[in-house]
Amino acid sequence: GSGVFHLKSGEYWLYGNTSAKFWLDPHDQATLDDILSLREEKWSQTGHNATFGILDAALWIRLDVSNQTEIEKWFLSIDSASLISINLFYLNPNKDRYEHLQAGRRIAKPDILYPYKHPVFPLEFKKNETKRLYFHVRTAGPTFVPLRFFQEEEFISFVKLSDLMSGFYYGGMILLLCYNLILFFSIREKLFFFYCCYIFFFLLFIFNSMNQW
């Protein structure tokens, strides 16, 4: 619930928000150097909270992660498709400087290490290693930042299952659209045409809001 977050093998719902701390930058002007020198009392504990409401500010999150397992390759998945951008900073001990990863709706695909419908960061943690992660989050709506860790194999299976369920949903809705189009051309009842328009634009809205382009 506080302090260092410990990675565990075999855990499918491994959220790091319980150990994270956050700080709001009202003018979105703070740099990483400013954050590194920020006094400890400025940080607030998130607890189990992953929702920060509609913010008129940039959000910084800090999380210490420890790996006591033999597994080195992990994925950090932030299941929130509405984030404009999220930048992840972590210290690379081999280069003695901070590495930078980014993701989000307004980040160009070539600049994203693992392009997906929501931000995903592949990370490596050696056994008995502790890393401090910093996140800089910008959003245009409700700010939802669940910090969920997966083992590499479990993340791949999760992605396949998620995409399969999305395929079933969109496939079923397209069949419903086609069925009502057939009824419209057969019966010439305008109600079926309006219903087809509703299904089409609703699908478009869901597809865009989930960032599945």
C-alpha atoms as a PDB file:
ATOM      1  CA  GLY A   1       0.000   0.000   0.000  1.00  0.00           C
ATOM      2  CA  SER A   2       2.970   2.369   0.277  1.00  0.00           C
ATOM      3  CA  GLY A   3       6.684   2.521  -0.355  1.00  0.00           C
ATOM      4  CA  VAL A   4       8.201   0.158  -2.911  1.00  0.00           C
ATOM      5  CA  PHE A   5       5.934  -1.831  -5.225  1.00  0.00           C
ATOM      6  CA  HIS A   6       7.032  -5.483  -5.601  1.00  0.00           C
ATOM      7  CA  LEU A   7       6.523  -7.384  -8.831  1.00  0.00           C
ATOM      8  CA  LYS A   8       5.086 -10.884  -8.420  1.00  0.00           C
ATOM      9  CA  SER A   9       5.040 -13.796 -10.829  1.00  0.00           C
ATOM     10  CA  GLY A  10       1.735 -15.500 -11.579  1.00  0.00           C
ATOM     11  CA  GLU A  11      -0.321 -12.406 -10.718  1.00  0.00           C
ATOM     12  CA  TYR A  12      -2.731 -11.370 -13.490  1.00  0.00           C
ATOM     13  CA  TRP A  13      -4.112  -8.233 -11.793  1.00  0.00           C
ATOM     14  CA  LEU A  14      -0.920  -6.530 -10.663  1.00  0.00           C
ATOM     15  CA  TYR A  15      -1.623  -2.812 -10.188  1.00  0.00           C
ATOM     16  CA  GLY A  16       1.050  -0.425  -8.956  1.00  0.00           C
ATOM     17  CA  ASN A  17      -1.216   2.497  -8.003  1.00  0.00           C
ATOM     18  CA  THR A  18      -1.252   1.385  -4.354  1.00  0.00           C
ATOM     19  CA  SER A  19       2.400   2.427  -4.004  1.00  0.00           C
ATOM     20  CA  ALA A  20       2.503   5.406  -6.379  1.00  0.00           C
ATOM     21  CA  LYS A  21       2.698   9.092  -5.513  1.00  0.00           C
ATOM     22  CA  PHE A  22       1.540  12.033  -7.615  1.00  0.00           C
ATOM     23  CA  TRP A  23       2.000  15.773  -8.034  1.00  0.00           C
ATOM     24  CA  LEU A  24      -0.024  18.223 -10.139  1.00  0.00           C
ATOM     25  CA  ASP A  25       1.800  20.782 -12.269  1.00  0.00           C
ATOM     26  CA  PRO A  26      -0.812  23.547 -12.746  1.00  0.00           C
ATOM     27  CA  HIS A  27       1.018  25.240 -15.628  1.00  0.00           C
ATOM     28  CA  ASP A  28       2.656  22.152 -17.171  1.00  0.00           C
ATOM     29  CA  GLN A  29       6.060  23.820 -17.063  1.00  0.00           C
ATOM     30  CA  ALA A  30       8.039  21.476 -14.807  1.00  0.00           C
ATOM     31  CA  THR A  31      10.952  19.603 -16.348  1.00  0.00           C
ATOM     32  CA  LEU A  32      12.342  16.268 -15.230  1.00  0.00           C
ATOM     33  CA  ASP A  33      15.115  18.099 -13.341  1.00  0.00           C
ATOM     34  CA  ASP A  34      12.449  20.044 -11.453  1.00  0.00           C
ATOM     35  CA  ILE A  35      10.685  16.806 -10.560  1.00  0.00           C
ATOM     36  CA  LEU A  36      13.911  15.149  -9.396  1.00  0.00           C
ATOM     37  CA  SER A  37      14.512  18.036  -7.003  1.00  0.00           C
ATOM     38  CA  LEU A  38      10.898  18.234  -5.811  1.00  0.00           C
ATOM     39  CA  ARG A  39      10.604  18.035  -2.024  1.00  0.00           C
ATOM     40  CA  GLU A  40       9.094  14.847  -0.624  1.00  0.00           C
ATOM     41  CA  GLU A  41       6.222  16.653   1.109  1.00  0.00           C
ATOM     42  CA  LYS A  42       5.002  17.876  -2.300  1.00  0.00           C
ATOM     43  CA  TRP A  43       4.130  14.331  -3.354  1.00  0.00           C
ATOM     44  CA  SER A  44       0.704  12.875  -2.463  1.00  0.00           C
ATOM     45  CA  GLN A  45      -0.094   9.197  -2.000  1.00  0.00           C
ATOM     46  CA  THR A  46      -2.450   7.768  -4.606  1.00  0.00           C
ATOM     47  CA  GLY A  47      -3.536   4.764  -2.536  1.00  0.00           C
ATOM     48  CA  HIS A  48      -5.700   2.534  -4.734  1.00  0.00           C
ATOM     49  CA  ASN A  49      -6.775   5.528  -6.817  1.00  0.00           C
ATOM     50  CA  ALA A  50      -6.154   5.486 -10.568  1.00  0.00           C
ATOM     51  CA  THR A  51      -8.707   8.195 -11.418  1.00  0.00           C
ATOM     52  CA  PHE A  52      -7.801  11.869 -11.030  1.00  0.00           C
ATOM     53  CA  GLY A  53     -10.879  13.511 -12.547  1.00  0.00           C
ATOM     54  CA  ILE A  54     -10.854  16.165 -15.255  1.00  0.00           C
ATOM     55  CA  LEU A  55      -7.598  18.030 -14.791  1.00  0.00           C
ATOM     56  CA  ASP A  56      -6.600  21.485 -15.925  1.00  0.00           C
ATOM     57  CA  ALA A  57      -2.992  20.605 -15.178  1.00  0.00           C
ATOM     58  CA  ALA A  58      -0.277  18.110 -16.042  1.00  0.00           C
ATOM     59  CA  LEU A  59       0.024  15.070 -13.799  1.00  0.00           C
ATOM     60  CA  TRP A  60       3.318  13.629 -12.560  1.00  0.00           C
ATOM     61  CA  ILE A  61       3.379  10.156 -11.018  1.00  0.00           C
ATOM     62  CA  ARG A  62       6.286   8.520  -9.193  1.00  0.00           C
ATOM     63  CA  LEU A  63       6.563   4.786  -8.579  1.00  0.00           C
ATOM     64  CA  ASP A  64       9.362   2.670  -7.090  1.00  0.00           C
ATOM     65  CA  VAL A  65       9.318  -0.864  -8.510  1.00  0.00           C
ATOM     66  CA  SER A  66      11.278  -3.811  -7.113  1.00  0.00           C
ATOM     67  CA  ASN A  67      11.751  -7.164  -8.811  1.00  0.00           C
ATOM     68  CA  GLN A  68      12.458 -10.127  -6.550  1.00  0.00           C
ATOM     69  CA  THR A  69      11.560 -12.704  -9.216  1.00  0.00           C
ATOM     70  CA  GLU A  70      13.632 -14.481 -11.860  1.00  0.00           C
ATOM     71  CA  ILE A  71      11.548 -12.826 -14.593  1.00  0.00           C
ATOM     72  CA  GLU A  72      13.265  -9.858 -16.235  1.00  0.00           C
ATOM     73  CA  LYS A  73      10.888  -8.855 -19.045  1.00  0.00           C
ATOM     74  CA  TRP A  74       7.706  -7.073 -17.990  1.00  0.00           C
ATOM     75  CA  PHE A  75       5.059  -4.936 -19.648  1.00  0.00           C
ATOM     76  CA  LEU A  76       3.495  -1.874 -18.061  1.00  0.00           C
ATOM     77  CA  SER A  77       0.021  -1.446 -19.551  1.00  0.00           C
ATOM     78  CA  ILE A  78      -1.985   1.727 -18.920  1.00  0.00           C
ATOM     79  CA  ASP A  79      -5.491   0.790 -20.046  1.00  0.00           C
ATOM     80  CA  SER A  80      -6.645   4.322 -20.835  1.00  0.00           C
ATOM     81  CA  ALA A  81      -7.134   5.211 -24.496  1.00  0.00           C
ATOM     82  CA  SER A  82      -7.956   8.880 -23.806  1.00  0.00           C
ATOM     83  CA  LEU A  83      -4.460   9.963 -22.759  1.00  0.00           C
ATOM     84  CA  ILE A  84      -3.022  12.583 -25.124  1.00  0.00           C
ATOM     85  CA  SER A  85       0.516  11.701 -24.124  1.00  0.00           C
ATOM     86  CA  ILE A  86       2.355   9.919 -21.359  1.00  0.00           C
ATOM     87  CA  ASN A  87       6.120  10.083 -20.959  1.00  0.00           C
ATOM     88  CA  LEU A  88       7.978   7.522 -18.878  1.00  0.00           C
ATOM     89  CA  PHE A  89      11.390   8.357 -17.404  1.00  0.00           C
ATOM     90  CA  TYR A  90      13.686   5.875 -15.652  1.00  0.00           C
ATOM     91  CA  LEU A  91      17.357   5.875 -14.744  1.00  0.00           C
ATOM     92  CA  ASN A  92      19.580   3.663 -16.867  1.00  0.00           C
ATOM     93  CA  PRO A  93      22.461   2.643 -14.555  1.00  0.00           C
ATOM     94  CA  ASN A  94      24.609   1.543 -17.501  1.00  0.00           C
ATOM     95  CA  LYS A  95      24.505   5.000 -19.099  1.00  0.00           C
ATOM     96  CA  ASP A  96      24.060   6.959 -15.842  1.00  0.00           C
ATOM     97  CA  ARG A  97      21.246   9.003 -17.335  1.00  0.00           C
ATOM     98  CA  TYR A  98      17.468   8.903 -17.630  1.00  0.00           C
ATOM     99  CA  GLU A  99      15.894   7.024 -20.510  1.00  0.00           C
ATOM    100  CA  HIS A 100      12.679   8.304 -22.053  1.00  0.00           C
ATOM    101  CA  LEU A 101       9.723   6.365 -23.485  1.00  0.00           C
ATOM    102  CA  GLN A 102       6.481   7.854 -24.737  1.00  0.00           C
ATOM    103  CA  ALA A 103       3.008   6.836 -25.869  1.00  0.00           C
ATOM    104  CA  GLY A 104      -0.476   8.308 -26.271  1.00  0.00           C
ATOM    105  CA  ARG A 105      -3.023   9.364 -28.881  1.00  0.00           C
ATOM    106  CA  ARG A 106      -1.034  12.344 -30.187  1.00  0.00           C
ATOM    107  CA  ILE A 107       2.359  10.679 -30.280  1.00  0.00           C
ATOM    108  CA  ALA A 108       3.511   9.669 -33.752  1.00  0.00           C
ATOM    109  CA  LYS A 109       3.537   5.908 -34.249  1.00  0.00           C
ATOM    110  CA  PRO A 110       7.283   5.759 -35.144  1.00  0.00           C
ATOM    111  CA  ASP A 111       8.045   7.390 -31.770  1.00  0.00           C
ATOM    112  CA  ILE A 112       6.180   4.699 -29.797  1.00  0.00           C
ATOM    113  CA  LEU A 113       8.210   1.656 -28.800  1.00  0.00           C
ATOM    114  CA  TYR A 114       5.143  -0.622 -28.593  1.00  0.00           C
ATOM    115  CA  PRO A 115       2.228   0.853 -30.605  1.00  0.00           C
ATOM    116  CA  TYR A 116      -1.110  -0.281 -29.207  1.00  0.00           C
ATOM    117  CA  LYS A 117      -4.610   1.130 -28.603  1.00  0.00           C
ATOM    118  CA  HIS A 118      -3.562   2.272 -25.121  1.00  0.00           C
ATOM    119  CA  PRO A 119      -0.091   3.126 -23.747  1.00  0.00           C
ATOM    120  CA  VAL A 120       2.193   0.115 -23.246  1.00  0.00           C
ATOM    121  CA  PHE A 121       5.802   0.211 -22.066  1.00  0.00           C
ATOM    122  CA  PRO A 122       8.072  -2.863 -22.286  1.00  0.00           C
ATOM    123  CA  LEU A 123      10.474  -2.783 -19.334  1.00  0.00           C
ATOM    124  CA  GLU A 124      13.302  -4.922 -17.997  1.00  0.00           C
ATOM    125  CA  PHE A 125      13.969  -5.457 -14.308  1.00  0.00           C
ATOM    126  CA  LYS A 126      16.896  -7.570 -13.170  1.00  0.00           C
ATOM    127  CA  LYS A 127      16.483  -9.724 -10.089  1.00  0.00           C
ATOM    128  CA  ASN A 128      16.760  -7.722  -6.838  1.00  0.00           C
ATOM    129  CA  GLU A 129      16.711  -4.488  -8.835  1.00  0.00           C
ATOM    130  CA  THR A 130      14.636  -1.471  -7.807  1.00  0.00           C
ATOM    131  CA  LYS A 131      13.778   1.247 -10.317  1.00  0.00           C
ATOM    132  CA  ARG A 132      12.130   4.590  -9.755  1.00  0.00           C
ATOM    133  CA  LEU A 133       9.730   5.465 -12.572  1.00  0.00           C
ATOM    134  CA  TYR A 134       8.397   8.937 -13.351  1.00  0.00           C
ATOM    135  CA  PHE A 135       5.338   9.520 -15.530  1.00  0.00           C
ATOM    136  CA  HIS A 136       4.332  12.813 -17.134  1.00  0.00           C
ATOM    137  CA  VAL A 137       0.665  12.598 -18.150  1.00  0.00           C
ATOM    138  CA  ARG A 138      -1.408  14.908 -20.363  1.00  0.00           C
ATOM    139  CA  THR A 139      -5.082  14.317 -21.090  1.00  0.00           C
ATOM    140  CA  ALA A 140      -8.006  16.103 -22.739  1.00  0.00           C
ATOM    141  CA  GLY A 141     -10.690  14.571 -20.537  1.00  0.00           C
ATOM    142  CA  PRO A 142     -11.063  12.385 -17.450  1.00  0.00           C
ATOM    143  CA  THR A 143      -7.621  11.299 -16.259  1.00  0.00           C
ATOM    144  CA  PHE A 144      -7.519   7.554 -15.697  1.00  0.00           C
ATOM    145  CA  VAL A 145      -4.030   6.067 -15.181  1.00  0.00           C
ATOM    146  CA  PRO A 146      -4.068   2.422 -14.031  1.00  0.00           C
ATOM    147  CA  LEU A 147      -0.469   1.156 -13.713  1.00  0.00           C
ATOM    148  CA  ARG A 148      -0.834  -2.535 -14.530  1.00  0.00           C
ATOM    149  CA  PHE A 149       2.166  -4.861 -14.800  1.00  0.00           C
ATOM    150  CA  PHE A 150       2.253  -8.073 -16.828  1.00  0.00           C
ATOM    151  CA  GLN A 151       4.818 -10.753 -17.400  1.00  0.00           C
ATOM    152  CA  GLU A 152       5.718 -10.813 -21.092  1.00  0.00           C
ATOM    153  CA  GLU A 153       3.872 -14.072 -21.886  1.00  0.00           C
ATOM    154  CA  GLU A 154       0.769 -13.047 -19.946  1.00  0.00           C
ATOM    155  CA  PHE A 155       0.609  -9.687 -21.697  1.00  0.00           C
ATOM    156  CA  ILE A 156       0.731 -11.315 -25.143  1.00  0.00           C
ATOM    157  CA  SER A 157      -2.110 -13.682 -24.209  1.00  0.00           C
ATOM    158  CA  PHE A 158      -4.089 -10.746 -22.742  1.00  0.00           C
ATOM    159  CA  VAL A 159      -3.684  -8.751 -25.977  1.00  0.00           C
ATOM    160  CA  LYS A 160      -4.835 -11.705 -28.094  1.00  0.00           C
ATOM    161  CA  LEU A 161      -7.904 -12.255 -25.904  1.00  0.00           C
ATOM    162  CA  SER A 162      -8.753  -8.544 -25.868  1.00  0.00           C
ATOM    163  CA  ASP A 163      -8.479  -8.234 -29.650  1.00  0.00           C
ATOM    164  CA  LEU A 164     -10.536 -11.409 -30.114  1.00  0.00           C
ATOM    165  CA  MET A 165     -13.354 -10.053 -27.926  1.00  0.00           C
ATOM    166  CA  SER A 166     -13.242  -6.744 -29.813  1.00  0.00           C
ATOM    167  CA  GLY A 167     -13.495  -8.656 -33.077  1.00  0.00           C
ATOM    168  CA  PHE A 168     -16.583 -10.543 -31.846  1.00  0.00           C
ATOM    169  CA  TYR A 169     -18.212  -7.280 -30.750  1.00  0.00           C
ATOM    170  CA  TYR A 170     -17.555  -5.342 -33.966  1.00  0.00           C
ATOM    171  CA  GLY A 171     -18.397  -8.365 -36.096  1.00  0.00           C
ATOM    172  CA  GLY A 172     -21.749  -8.788 -34.342  1.00  0.00           C
ATOM    173  CA  MET A 173     -22.576  -5.092 -34.744  1.00  0.00           C
ATOM    174  CA  ILE A 174     -21.668  -5.171 -38.455  1.00  0.00           C
ATOM    175  CA  LEU A 175     -23.938  -8.205 -38.944  1.00  0.00           C
ATOM    176  CA  LEU A 176     -26.733  -6.282 -37.207  1.00  0.00           C
ATOM    177  CA  LEU A 177     -26.092  -3.326 -39.514  1.00  0.00           C
ATOM    178  CA  CYS A 178     -26.221  -5.526 -42.625  1.00  0.00           C
ATOM    179  CA  TYR A 179     -29.391  -7.255 -41.417  1.00  0.00           C
ATOM    180  CA  ASN A 180     -31.205  -3.936 -40.979  1.00  0.00           C
ATOM    181  CA  LEU A 181     -29.951  -2.712 -44.359  1.00  0.00           C
ATOM    182  CA  ILE A 182     -31.526  -5.777 -45.954  1.00  0.00           C
ATOM    183  CA  LEU A 183     -34.800  -5.042 -44.136  1.00  0.00           C
ATOM    184  CA  PHE A 184     -34.677  -1.434 -45.337  1.00  0.00           C
ATOM    185  CA  PHE A 185     -34.217  -2.380 -48.991  1.00  0.00           C
ATOM    186  CA  SER A 186     -36.850  -5.117 -48.683  1.00  0.00           C
ATOM    187  CA  ILE A 187     -39.601  -3.267 -46.795  1.00  0.00           C
ATOM    188  CA  ARG A 188     -38.631   0.329 -47.675  1.00  0.00           C
ATOM    189  CA  GLU A 189     -39.314   1.402 -44.117  1.00  0.00           C
ATOM    190  CA  LYS A 190     -37.274   4.492 -43.144  1.00  0.00           C
ATOM    191  CA  LEU A 191     -37.056   3.355 -39.532  1.00  0.00           C
ATOM    192  CA  PHE A 192     -34.558   0.640 -40.505  1.00  0.00           C
ATOM    193  CA  PHE A 193     -32.413   3.189 -42.365  1.00  0.00           C
ATOM    194  CA  PHE A 194     -32.290   5.478 -39.315  1.00  0.00           C
ATOM    195  CA  TYR A 195     -31.399   2.500 -37.149  1.00  0.00           C
ATOM    196  CA  CYS A 196     -28.542   1.609 -39.532  1.00  0.00           C
ATOM    197  CA  CYS A 197     -27.256   5.181 -39.244  1.00  0.00           C
ATOM    198  CA  TYR A 198     -27.387   4.920 -35.455  1.00  0.00           C
ATOM    199  CA  ILE A 199     -25.446   1.628 -35.448  1.00  0.00           C
ATOM    200  CA  PHE A 200     -22.828   2.988 -37.863  1.00  0.00           C
ATOM    201  CA  PHE A 201     -22.110   6.196 -35.933  1.00  0.00           C
ATOM    202  CA  PHE A 202     -22.222   4.400 -32.584  1.00  0.00           C
ATOM    203  CA  LEU A 203     -19.625   1.908 -33.865  1.00  0.00           C
ATOM    204  CA  LEU A 204     -17.514   4.790 -35.166  1.00  0.00           C
ATOM    205  CA  PHE A 205     -17.723   6.521 -31.780  1.00  0.00           C
ATOM    206  CA  ILE A 206     -16.706   3.377 -29.848  1.00  0.00           C
ATOM    207  CA  PHE A 207     -13.913   2.586 -32.323  1.00  0.00           C
ATOM    208  CA  ASN A 208     -12.469   6.096 -31.987  1.00  0.00           C
ATOM    209  CA  SER A 209     -12.898   6.413 -28.226  1.00  0.00           C
ATOM    210  CA  MET A 210     -11.058   3.110 -27.745  1.00  0.00           C
ATOM    211  CA  ASN A 211      -8.305   4.355 -30.102  1.00  0.00           C
ATOM    212  CA  GLN A 212      -8.460   1.191 -32.198  1.00  0.00           C
ATOM    213  CA  TRP A 213      -7.292   2.837 -35.404  1.00  0.00           C
END
